[in-house]
Amino acid sequence: MWSSIFKGIEFLFVDVLFVPMDWLAKLELSNWWIANILTWIFIIICCSAFVYWLKQLRIFAANNEDEQDTTAHSFLK
């Protein structure tokens, strides 16, 4: 019983879920840029989120709405 469960898990991951990763690994040998397009998309999303976060921090700092308390919790006072 247990071996059939583990073989089912193996089939799911190796033959179904990792097929796109195998395709990208083969594609990388011919064109590195296309194979890493997903990575570049995530990098662009993270960089834009970081820039947005910094802009929001500047807005709150300019309005004196941010609380610059040096203690993180009340029990540290």
C-alpha atoms as a PDB file:
ATOM      1  CA  MET A   1       0.000   0.000   0.000  1.00  0.00           C
ATOM      2  CA  TRP A   2       2.685   2.492   1.031  1.00  0.00           C
ATOM      3  CA  SER A   3       4.828   1.837  -2.026  1.00  0.00           C
ATOM      4  CA  SER A   4       1.930   2.642  -4.357  1.00  0.00           C
ATOM      5  CA  ILE A   5       1.374   5.941  -2.521  1.00  0.00           C
ATOM      6  CA  PHE A   6       5.036   6.862  -2.885  1.00  0.00           C
ATOM      7  CA  LYS A   7       5.056   5.812  -6.543  1.00  0.00           C
ATOM      8  CA  GLY A   8       2.018   8.026  -7.082  1.00  0.00           C
ATOM      9  CA  ILE A   9       3.819  10.953  -5.446  1.00  0.00           C
ATOM     10  CA  GLU A  10       6.864  10.231  -7.622  1.00  0.00           C
ATOM     11  CA  PHE A  11       4.731  10.197 -10.758  1.00  0.00           C
ATOM     12  CA  LEU A  12       3.076  13.477  -9.791  1.00  0.00           C
ATOM     13  CA  PHE A  13       6.324  15.328  -9.223  1.00  0.00           C
ATOM     14  CA  VAL A  14       8.636  13.756 -11.811  1.00  0.00           C
ATOM     15  CA  ASP A  15       6.253  13.193 -14.717  1.00  0.00           C
ATOM     16  CA  VAL A  16       3.752  16.032 -14.214  1.00  0.00           C
ATOM     17  CA  LEU A  17       4.945  18.967 -12.113  1.00  0.00           C
ATOM     18  CA  PHE A  18       8.626  19.049 -13.122  1.00  0.00           C
ATOM     19  CA  VAL A  19       8.036  18.775 -16.890  1.00  0.00           C
ATOM     20  CA  PRO A  20       8.195  22.581 -17.378  1.00  0.00           C
ATOM     21  CA  MET A  21      11.464  22.697 -15.421  1.00  0.00           C
ATOM     22  CA  ASP A  22      12.949  19.959 -17.606  1.00  0.00           C
ATOM     23  CA  TRP A  23      11.857  21.905 -20.680  1.00  0.00           C
ATOM     24  CA  LEU A  24      13.508  25.083 -19.336  1.00  0.00           C
ATOM     25  CA  ALA A  25      16.715  23.166 -18.555  1.00  0.00           C
ATOM     26  CA  LYS A  26      16.883  21.922 -22.161  1.00  0.00           C
ATOM     27  CA  LEU A  27      16.007  25.375 -23.483  1.00  0.00           C
ATOM     28  CA  GLU A  28      18.827  26.974 -21.508  1.00  0.00           C
ATOM     29  CA  LEU A  29      21.376  25.155 -23.625  1.00  0.00           C
ATOM     30  CA  SER A  30      20.124  26.932 -26.737  1.00  0.00           C
ATOM     31  CA  ASN A  31      18.946  30.324 -25.462  1.00  0.00           C
ATOM     32  CA  TRP A  32      19.780  31.539 -21.961  1.00  0.00           C
ATOM     33  CA  TRP A  33      17.609  34.689 -22.116  1.00  0.00           C
ATOM     34  CA  ILE A  34      14.382  32.906 -22.983  1.00  0.00           C
ATOM     35  CA  ALA A  35      15.037  30.178 -20.400  1.00  0.00           C
ATOM     36  CA  ASN A  36      15.409  32.786 -17.651  1.00  0.00           C
ATOM     37  CA  ILE A  37      12.518  35.061 -18.639  1.00  0.00           C
ATOM     38  CA  LEU A  38      10.520  33.951 -15.592  1.00  0.00           C
ATOM     39  CA  THR A  39      13.388  34.960 -13.319  1.00  0.00           C
ATOM     40  CA  TRP A  40      13.633  38.367 -15.003  1.00  0.00           C
ATOM     41  CA  ILE A  41       9.887  38.909 -14.573  1.00  0.00           C
ATOM     42  CA  PHE A  42      10.134  38.169 -10.835  1.00  0.00           C
ATOM     43  CA  ILE A  43      13.148  40.474 -10.500  1.00  0.00           C
ATOM     44  CA  ILE A  44      11.248  43.309 -12.187  1.00  0.00           C
ATOM     45  CA  ILE A  45       8.204  42.741  -9.949  1.00  0.00           C
ATOM     46  CA  CYS A  46      10.354  42.732  -6.794  1.00  0.00           C
ATOM     47  CA  CYS A  47      12.267  45.852  -7.820  1.00  0.00           C
ATOM     48  CA  SER A  48       9.083  47.749  -8.609  1.00  0.00           C
ATOM     49  CA  ALA A  49       7.525  46.683  -5.287  1.00  0.00           C
ATOM     50  CA  PHE A  50      10.662  47.850  -3.459  1.00  0.00           C
ATOM     51  CA  VAL A  51      10.584  51.249  -5.216  1.00  0.00           C
ATOM     52  CA  TYR A  52       6.866  51.631  -4.373  1.00  0.00           C
ATOM     53  CA  TRP A  53       7.568  50.743  -0.730  1.00  0.00           C
ATOM     54  CA  LEU A  54      10.361  53.338  -0.519  1.00  0.00           C
ATOM     55  CA  LYS A  55       8.085  56.003  -2.030  1.00  0.00           C
ATOM     56  CA  GLN A  56       5.426  55.234   0.556  1.00  0.00           C
ATOM     57  CA  LEU A  57       8.010  55.470   3.344  1.00  0.00           C
ATOM     58  CA  ARG A  58       9.050  58.916   2.084  1.00  0.00           C
ATOM     59  CA  ILE A  59       5.415  60.068   1.993  1.00  0.00           C
ATOM     60  CA  PHE A  60       4.839  58.983   5.595  1.00  0.00           C
ATOM     61  CA  ALA A  61       8.139  60.501   6.717  1.00  0.00           C
ATOM     62  CA  ALA A  62       7.310  63.820   5.037  1.00  0.00           C
ATOM     63  CA  ASN A  63       3.921  63.960   6.787  1.00  0.00           C
ATOM     64  CA  ASN A  64       5.432  62.941  10.155  1.00  0.00           C
ATOM     65  CA  GLU A  65       3.004  60.031  10.299  1.00  0.00           C
ATOM     66  CA  ASP A  66       5.618  57.390  10.973  1.00  0.00           C
ATOM     67  CA  GLU A  67       6.319  56.440  14.559  1.00  0.00           C
ATOM     68  CA  GLN A  68      10.047  56.292  15.229  1.00  0.00           C
ATOM     69  CA  ASP A  69       9.883  54.342  18.470  1.00  0.00           C
ATOM     70  CA  THR A  70      13.130  52.525  19.256  1.00  0.00           C
ATOM     71  CA  THR A  71      11.419  49.735  21.190  1.00  0.00           C
ATOM     72  CA  ALA A  72       9.628  47.121  19.183  1.00  0.00           C
ATOM     73  CA  HIS A  73       7.430  45.842  22.031  1.00  0.00           C
ATOM     74  CA  SER A  74       6.059  47.261  25.220  1.00  0.00           C
ATOM     75  CA  PHE A  75       7.965  44.756  27.353  1.00  0.00           C
ATOM     76  CA  LEU A  76      11.290  46.208  26.121  1.00  0.00           C
ATOM     77  CA  LYS A  77      10.638  49.595  27.777  1.00  0.00           C
END
